[in-house]
Amino acid sequence: MEIKVCGMRESENIFRLIEEINPDWMGLIFYSKSPRFVSDEQSLELAKISISKVGVFVNETEAEILRKEALFNLKAVQLHGGESPEFVEELSKKTKAEIWKVISVNDRIDWGTLKSYFPFVSKFLFDTASPKHGGTGKKFDWSILETYPFDKGFLLSGGIDEESGEEVLTFAAKNPMMLGVDLNSKFEDAHGLKNIEKLKNFIQQLPRN
């Protein structure tokens, strides 16, 4: 199961995360309204970190996404806003990074709307709908995804906490296209500062390659 720890920012915290957990992905948030926003001033240090980095963007311009990709050495671009399939198609022609499209979930999903993204994204990420575009600490109704009809993998996000291991495993057993989990606010001591022990307690419950 893939592990993405999102909303990282503090250097010492990041180095400890890599040393003690070494997740598959580390998310850097480039949405200026987020309390976990990462500024350009941190690029020299963060670009050198070997872990695969995901840049999180909300309705950002193509030029700025590509600039951040180069500046921070991003391996994936996570689009967390209302980006259209046409925008994603154009971005896919210019980026070397994987593209992940976030689907914000309320009480239902129109599966047909996802089809237009298929040729251009590596995976989907399902998160709890919020005007803040993530970081709510709230779960949506995961049973909505039990009708997921596609052969493209996805990550599960939204309100996963230290006690969610058994629930995640049960869900994964029913949903073979689930690739892994995205962890953020429920594992924080402060915005952008993760509690490594809580992460370890959760992750040790999951199978990993």
C-alpha atoms as a PDB file:
ATOM      1  CA  MET A   1       0.000   0.000   0.000  1.00  0.00           C
ATOM      2  CA  GLU A   2       1.356   3.410  -0.975  1.00  0.00           C
ATOM      3  CA  ILE A   3       1.793   5.989   1.776  1.00  0.00           C
ATOM      4  CA  LYS A   4       1.665   9.713   1.083  1.00  0.00           C
ATOM      5  CA  VAL A   5       2.279  12.109   3.958  1.00  0.00           C
ATOM      6  CA  CYS A   6       1.023  15.526   2.922  1.00  0.00           C
ATOM      7  CA  GLY A   7       1.414  19.038   4.273  1.00  0.00           C
ATOM      8  CA  MET A   8       5.085  18.683   5.206  1.00  0.00           C
ATOM      9  CA  ARG A   9       7.156  21.838   5.637  1.00  0.00           C
ATOM     10  CA  GLU A  10       9.585  21.831   8.565  1.00  0.00           C
ATOM     11  CA  SER A  11      13.063  20.543   7.710  1.00  0.00           C
ATOM     12  CA  GLU A  12      13.817  18.652  10.918  1.00  0.00           C
ATOM     13  CA  ASN A  13      10.370  17.046  10.812  1.00  0.00           C
ATOM     14  CA  ILE A  14      10.901  16.029   7.166  1.00  0.00           C
ATOM     15  CA  PHE A  15      14.289  14.459   7.843  1.00  0.00           C
ATOM     16  CA  ARG A  16      12.860  12.456  10.732  1.00  0.00           C
ATOM     17  CA  LEU A  17       9.923  11.363   8.555  1.00  0.00           C
ATOM     18  CA  ILE A  18      12.308  10.034   5.917  1.00  0.00           C
ATOM     19  CA  GLU A  19      14.617   8.335   8.407  1.00  0.00           C
ATOM     20  CA  GLU A  20      11.932   6.616  10.480  1.00  0.00           C
ATOM     21  CA  ILE A  21       9.086   6.058   8.000  1.00  0.00           C
ATOM     22  CA  ASN A  22      10.312   6.730   4.455  1.00  0.00           C
ATOM     23  CA  PRO A  23       6.854   7.073   2.878  1.00  0.00           C
ATOM     24  CA  ASP A  24       6.379   6.592  -0.843  1.00  0.00           C
ATOM     25  CA  TRP A  25       5.348  10.214  -1.321  1.00  0.00           C
ATOM     26  CA  MET A  26       5.683  13.502   0.533  1.00  0.00           C
ATOM     27  CA  GLY A  27       3.235  16.294  -0.229  1.00  0.00           C
ATOM     28  CA  LEU A  28       4.203  19.965  -0.405  1.00  0.00           C
ATOM     29  CA  ILE A  29       1.279  22.381  -0.496  1.00  0.00           C
ATOM     30  CA  PHE A  30       1.612  25.351  -2.845  1.00  0.00           C
ATOM     31  CA  TYR A  31      -1.838  26.814  -2.191  1.00  0.00           C
ATOM     32  CA  SER A  32      -1.218  30.224  -0.630  1.00  0.00           C
ATOM     33  CA  LYS A  33      -4.363  30.131   1.530  1.00  0.00           C
ATOM     34  CA  SER A  34      -3.308  26.901   3.213  1.00  0.00           C
ATOM     35  CA  PRO A  35      -1.753  27.070   6.709  1.00  0.00           C
ATOM     36  CA  ARG A  36       0.719  24.466   5.397  1.00  0.00           C
ATOM     37  CA  PHE A  37       1.875  26.614   2.467  1.00  0.00           C
ATOM     38  CA  VAL A  38       5.473  26.063   1.324  1.00  0.00           C
ATOM     39  CA  SER A  39       7.314  29.132   0.011  1.00  0.00           C
ATOM     40  CA  ASP A  40      10.002  29.376  -2.656  1.00  0.00           C
ATOM     41  CA  GLU A  41      12.569  30.176   0.038  1.00  0.00           C
ATOM     42  CA  GLN A  42      12.515  26.506   1.062  1.00  0.00           C
ATOM     43  CA  SER A  43      13.229  25.194  -2.419  1.00  0.00           C
ATOM     44  CA  LEU A  44      17.025  24.940  -2.142  1.00  0.00           C
ATOM     45  CA  GLU A  45      16.755  22.574   0.792  1.00  0.00           C
ATOM     46  CA  LEU A  46      13.670  20.629  -0.234  1.00  0.00           C
ATOM     47  CA  ALA A  47      14.662  20.106  -3.867  1.00  0.00           C
ATOM     48  CA  LYS A  48      17.668  18.046  -2.743  1.00  0.00           C
ATOM     49  CA  ILE A  49      15.618  15.615  -0.665  1.00  0.00           C
ATOM     50  CA  SER A  50      15.512  12.262  -2.422  1.00  0.00           C
ATOM     51  CA  ILE A  51      11.980  11.265  -1.425  1.00  0.00           C
ATOM     52  CA  SER A  52       9.370  11.527  -4.191  1.00  0.00           C
ATOM     53  CA  LYS A  53       7.662  14.892  -3.762  1.00  0.00           C
ATOM     54  CA  VAL A  54       4.091  15.756  -4.733  1.00  0.00           C
ATOM     55  CA  GLY A  55       3.192  19.396  -5.320  1.00  0.00           C
ATOM     56  CA  VAL A  56      -0.378  20.258  -4.320  1.00  0.00           C
ATOM     57  CA  PHE A  57      -2.016  23.015  -6.370  1.00  0.00           C
ATOM     58  CA  VAL A  58      -5.458  24.622  -6.359  1.00  0.00           C
ATOM     59  CA  ASN A  59      -6.592  26.271  -9.605  1.00  0.00           C
ATOM     60  CA  GLU A  60      -3.021  27.371 -10.318  1.00  0.00           C
ATOM     61  CA  THR A  61      -1.727  28.518 -13.696  1.00  0.00           C
ATOM     62  CA  GLU A  62       0.109  26.086 -15.924  1.00  0.00           C
ATOM     63  CA  ALA A  63       3.211  28.285 -15.901  1.00  0.00           C
ATOM     64  CA  GLU A  64       3.367  28.378 -12.111  1.00  0.00           C
ATOM     65  CA  ILE A  65       2.885  24.617 -11.791  1.00  0.00           C
ATOM     66  CA  LEU A  66       5.738  23.991 -14.207  1.00  0.00           C
ATOM     67  CA  ARG A  67       7.934  26.518 -12.380  1.00  0.00           C
ATOM     68  CA  LYS A  68       7.334  24.806  -9.040  1.00  0.00           C
ATOM     69  CA  GLU A  69       7.920  21.397 -10.603  1.00  0.00           C
ATOM     70  CA  ALA A  70      11.388  22.448 -11.688  1.00  0.00           C
ATOM     71  CA  LEU A  71      12.173  24.449  -8.555  1.00  0.00           C
ATOM     72  CA  PHE A  72      11.265  21.704  -6.085  1.00  0.00           C
ATOM     73  CA  ASN A  73      12.066  18.675  -8.267  1.00  0.00           C
ATOM     74  CA  LEU A  74       8.504  17.362  -8.095  1.00  0.00           C
ATOM     75  CA  LYS A  75       7.713  13.822  -9.178  1.00  0.00           C
ATOM     76  CA  ALA A  76       3.941  14.345  -9.136  1.00  0.00           C
ATOM     77  CA  VAL A  77       1.502  17.241  -9.468  1.00  0.00           C
ATOM     78  CA  GLN A  78      -1.729  17.004  -7.461  1.00  0.00           C
ATOM     79  CA  LEU A  79      -4.552  19.177  -8.787  1.00  0.00           C
ATOM     80  CA  HIS A  80      -6.919  19.927  -5.917  1.00  0.00           C
ATOM     81  CA  GLY A  81      -9.210  22.524  -7.476  1.00  0.00           C
ATOM     82  CA  GLY A  82     -11.702  22.716 -10.295  1.00  0.00           C
ATOM     83  CA  GLU A  83      -9.165  22.081 -13.050  1.00  0.00           C
ATOM     84  CA  SER A  84     -10.887  21.069 -16.287  1.00  0.00           C
ATOM     85  CA  PRO A  85      -9.974  18.034 -18.395  1.00  0.00           C
ATOM     86  CA  GLU A  86      -8.763  20.477 -21.053  1.00  0.00           C
ATOM     87  CA  PHE A  87      -6.389  22.128 -18.585  1.00  0.00           C
ATOM     88  CA  VAL A  88      -5.072  18.742 -17.458  1.00  0.00           C
ATOM     89  CA  GLU A  89      -4.562  17.662 -21.064  1.00  0.00           C
ATOM     90  CA  GLU A  90      -2.465  20.736 -21.853  1.00  0.00           C
ATOM     91  CA  LEU A  91      -0.443  20.350 -18.660  1.00  0.00           C
ATOM     92  CA  SER A  92       0.236  16.696 -19.466  1.00  0.00           C
ATOM     93  CA  LYS A  93       1.956  17.730 -22.692  1.00  0.00           C
ATOM     94  CA  LYS A  94       4.498  19.851 -20.810  1.00  0.00           C
ATOM     95  CA  THR A  95       5.175  18.214 -17.461  1.00  0.00           C
ATOM     96  CA  LYS A  96       7.447  15.263 -16.766  1.00  0.00           C
ATOM     97  CA  ALA A  97       5.701  14.650 -13.455  1.00  0.00           C
ATOM     98  CA  GLU A  98       2.773  12.357 -12.809  1.00  0.00           C
ATOM     99  CA  ILE A  99      -0.567  14.162 -12.665  1.00  0.00           C
ATOM    100  CA  TRP A 100      -3.029  13.284  -9.916  1.00  0.00           C
ATOM    101  CA  LYS A 101      -6.562  14.684  -9.977  1.00  0.00           C
ATOM    102  CA  VAL A 102      -8.365  15.171  -6.694  1.00  0.00           C
ATOM    103  CA  ILE A 103     -12.072  14.429  -6.636  1.00  0.00           C
ATOM    104  CA  SER A 104     -13.806  16.206  -3.756  1.00  0.00           C
ATOM    105  CA  VAL A 105     -16.607  14.043  -2.376  1.00  0.00           C
ATOM    106  CA  ASN A 106     -19.869  15.199  -0.843  1.00  0.00           C
ATOM    107  CA  ASP A 107     -22.634  12.578  -0.823  1.00  0.00           C
ATOM    108  CA  ARG A 108     -22.231  11.156  -4.332  1.00  0.00           C
ATOM    109  CA  ILE A 109     -19.892  10.989  -7.340  1.00  0.00           C
ATOM    110  CA  ASP A 110     -20.853  11.249 -10.998  1.00  0.00           C
ATOM    111  CA  TRP A 111     -18.451   8.649 -12.372  1.00  0.00           C
ATOM    112  CA  GLY A 112     -18.980   9.899 -15.913  1.00  0.00           C
ATOM    113  CA  THR A 113     -17.218  13.169 -15.120  1.00  0.00           C
ATOM    114  CA  LEU A 114     -13.988  11.295 -14.382  1.00  0.00           C
ATOM    115  CA  LYS A 115     -13.698   9.701 -17.812  1.00  0.00           C
ATOM    116  CA  SER A 116     -12.442  12.871 -19.507  1.00  0.00           C
ATOM    117  CA  TYR A 117      -9.392  12.933 -17.221  1.00  0.00           C
ATOM    118  CA  PHE A 118      -8.401   9.321 -17.879  1.00  0.00           C
ATOM    119  CA  PRO A 119      -5.827   9.768 -20.659  1.00  0.00           C
ATOM    120  CA  PHE A 120      -3.948  12.470 -18.751  1.00  0.00           C
ATOM    121  CA  VAL A 121      -3.778  11.437 -15.089  1.00  0.00           C
ATOM    122  CA  SER A 122      -1.810   8.716 -13.314  1.00  0.00           C
ATOM    123  CA  LYS A 123      -4.288   8.337 -10.486  1.00  0.00           C
ATOM    124  CA  PHE A 124      -7.229   9.901  -8.723  1.00  0.00           C
ATOM    125  CA  LEU A 125      -7.320  10.997  -5.097  1.00  0.00           C
ATOM    126  CA  PHE A 126     -10.655  11.082  -3.277  1.00  0.00           C
ATOM    127  CA  ASP A 127     -10.920  13.619  -0.460  1.00  0.00           C
ATOM    128  CA  THR A 128     -13.650  15.176   1.651  1.00  0.00           C
ATOM    129  CA  ALA A 129     -15.202  18.176  -0.094  1.00  0.00           C
ATOM    130  CA  SER A 130     -14.379  21.494   1.560  1.00  0.00           C
ATOM    131  CA  PRO A 131     -14.100  25.170   0.596  1.00  0.00           C
ATOM    132  CA  LYS A 132     -10.582  24.972   2.049  1.00  0.00           C
ATOM    133  CA  HIS A 133      -9.580  22.290  -0.502  1.00  0.00           C
ATOM    134  CA  GLY A 134      -8.456  19.657   1.980  1.00  0.00           C
ATOM    135  CA  GLY A 135      -7.060  19.455   5.482  1.00  0.00           C
ATOM    136  CA  THR A 136     -10.492  19.205   7.109  1.00  0.00           C
ATOM    137  CA  GLY A 137      -9.745  16.171   9.239  1.00  0.00           C
ATOM    138  CA  LYS A 138     -13.174  14.806   8.279  1.00  0.00           C
ATOM    139  CA  LYS A 139     -14.040  11.528   6.570  1.00  0.00           C
ATOM    140  CA  PHE A 140     -16.545  11.266   3.765  1.00  0.00           C
ATOM    141  CA  ASP A 141     -18.710   8.178   3.342  1.00  0.00           C
ATOM    142  CA  TRP A 142     -16.192   5.687   1.908  1.00  0.00           C
ATOM    143  CA  SER A 143     -18.992   3.365   0.817  1.00  0.00           C
ATOM    144  CA  ILE A 144     -19.579   5.771  -2.095  1.00  0.00           C
ATOM    145  CA  LEU A 145     -16.357   4.416  -3.619  1.00  0.00           C
ATOM    146  CA  GLU A 146     -17.551   0.815  -3.517  1.00  0.00           C
ATOM    147  CA  THR A 147     -19.168   1.420  -6.916  1.00  0.00           C
ATOM    148  CA  TYR A 148     -15.907   2.743  -8.409  1.00  0.00           C
ATOM    149  CA  PRO A 149     -16.140   1.371 -11.963  1.00  0.00           C
ATOM    150  CA  PHE A 150     -12.687   2.020 -13.441  1.00  0.00           C
ATOM    151  CA  ASP A 151      -9.325   0.283 -13.761  1.00  0.00           C
ATOM    152  CA  LYS A 152      -7.288   3.360 -12.782  1.00  0.00           C
ATOM    153  CA  GLY A 153      -5.912   3.339  -9.248  1.00  0.00           C
ATOM    154  CA  PHE A 154      -6.738   5.875  -6.557  1.00  0.00           C
ATOM    155  CA  LEU A 155      -5.613   7.131  -3.169  1.00  0.00           C
ATOM    156  CA  LEU A 156      -7.940   7.569  -0.211  1.00  0.00           C
ATOM    157  CA  SER A 157      -7.802  10.785   1.801  1.00  0.00           C
ATOM    158  CA  GLY A 158      -9.835  12.736   4.314  1.00  0.00           C
ATOM    159  CA  GLY A 159      -9.929  12.271   8.071  1.00  0.00           C
ATOM    160  CA  ILE A 160      -7.730   9.175   8.290  1.00  0.00           C
ATOM    161  CA  ASP A 161      -6.222   8.996  11.770  1.00  0.00           C
ATOM    162  CA  GLU A 162      -4.072   6.793  13.982  1.00  0.00           C
ATOM    163  CA  GLU A 163      -7.008   4.490  14.721  1.00  0.00           C
ATOM    164  CA  SER A 164      -8.077   4.007  11.089  1.00  0.00           C
ATOM    165  CA  GLY A 165      -5.825   1.065  10.193  1.00  0.00           C
ATOM    166  CA  GLU A 166      -8.423  -1.705  10.420  1.00  0.00           C
ATOM    167  CA  GLU A 167     -11.024   0.416   8.627  1.00  0.00           C
ATOM    168  CA  VAL A 168      -8.592   1.171   5.803  1.00  0.00           C
ATOM    169  CA  LEU A 169      -7.660  -2.503   5.409  1.00  0.00           C
ATOM    170  CA  THR A 170     -11.314  -3.542   5.319  1.00  0.00           C
ATOM    171  CA  PHE A 171     -12.037  -0.924   2.673  1.00  0.00           C
ATOM    172  CA  ALA A 172      -8.995  -1.914   0.602  1.00  0.00           C
ATOM    173  CA  ALA A 173     -10.081  -5.556   0.601  1.00  0.00           C
ATOM    174  CA  LYS A 174     -13.341  -4.536  -1.078  1.00  0.00           C
ATOM    175  CA  ASN A 175     -11.756  -2.014  -3.443  1.00  0.00           C
ATOM    176  CA  PRO A 176      -8.799  -3.472  -5.372  1.00  0.00           C
ATOM    177  CA  MET A 177      -8.129  -0.212  -7.255  1.00  0.00           C
ATOM    178  CA  MET A 178      -7.221   1.559  -4.026  1.00  0.00           C
ATOM    179  CA  LEU A 179      -3.457   2.099  -4.168  1.00  0.00           C
ATOM    180  CA  GLY A 180      -2.909   3.697  -0.798  1.00  0.00           C
ATOM    181  CA  VAL A 181      -3.662   6.527   1.607  1.00  0.00           C
ATOM    182  CA  ASP A 182      -2.966  10.239   1.924  1.00  0.00           C
ATOM    183  CA  LEU A 183      -2.264  11.328   5.509  1.00  0.00           C
ATOM    184  CA  ASN A 184      -2.337  14.874   6.816  1.00  0.00           C
ATOM    185  CA  SER A 185      -4.169  16.832   9.498  1.00  0.00           C
ATOM    186  CA  LYS A 186      -5.040  14.011  11.908  1.00  0.00           C
ATOM    187  CA  PHE A 187      -1.315  13.329  12.383  1.00  0.00           C
ATOM    188  CA  GLU A 188      -0.269  16.894  13.179  1.00  0.00           C
ATOM    189  CA  ASP A 189       0.945  18.576  16.334  1.00  0.00           C
ATOM    190  CA  ALA A 190       0.656  21.896  14.466  1.00  0.00           C
ATOM    191  CA  HIS A 191       0.026  22.953  10.874  1.00  0.00           C
ATOM    192  CA  GLY A 192       2.816  21.466   8.753  1.00  0.00           C
ATOM    193  CA  LEU A 193       4.356  19.609  11.712  1.00  0.00           C
ATOM    194  CA  LYS A 194       3.652  15.867  11.794  1.00  0.00           C
ATOM    195  CA  ASN A 195       3.646  13.611  14.836  1.00  0.00           C
ATOM    196  CA  ILE A 196       6.024  10.883  13.691  1.00  0.00           C
ATOM    197  CA  GLU A 197       4.986   8.415  16.390  1.00  0.00           C
ATOM    198  CA  LYS A 198       1.325   8.639  15.373  1.00  0.00           C
ATOM    199  CA  LEU A 199       2.297   8.078  11.745  1.00  0.00           C
ATOM    200  CA  LYS A 200       4.391   5.047  12.682  1.00  0.00           C
ATOM    201  CA  ASN A 201       1.584   3.574  14.783  1.00  0.00           C
ATOM    202  CA  PHE A 202      -0.807   3.841  11.849  1.00  0.00           C
ATOM    203  CA  ILE A 203       1.527   2.765   9.060  1.00  0.00           C
ATOM    204  CA  GLN A 204       2.749  -0.357  10.844  1.00  0.00           C
ATOM    205  CA  GLN A 205      -0.805  -1.688  10.553  1.00  0.00           C
ATOM    206  CA  LEU A 206      -0.648  -1.625   6.743  1.00  0.00           C
ATOM    207  CA  PRO A 207       1.098  -3.898   4.224  1.00  0.00           C
ATOM    208  CA  ARG A 208       3.876  -2.136   2.311  1.00  0.00           C
ATOM    209  CA  ASN A 209       6.234  -3.153  -0.480  1.00  0.00           C
END
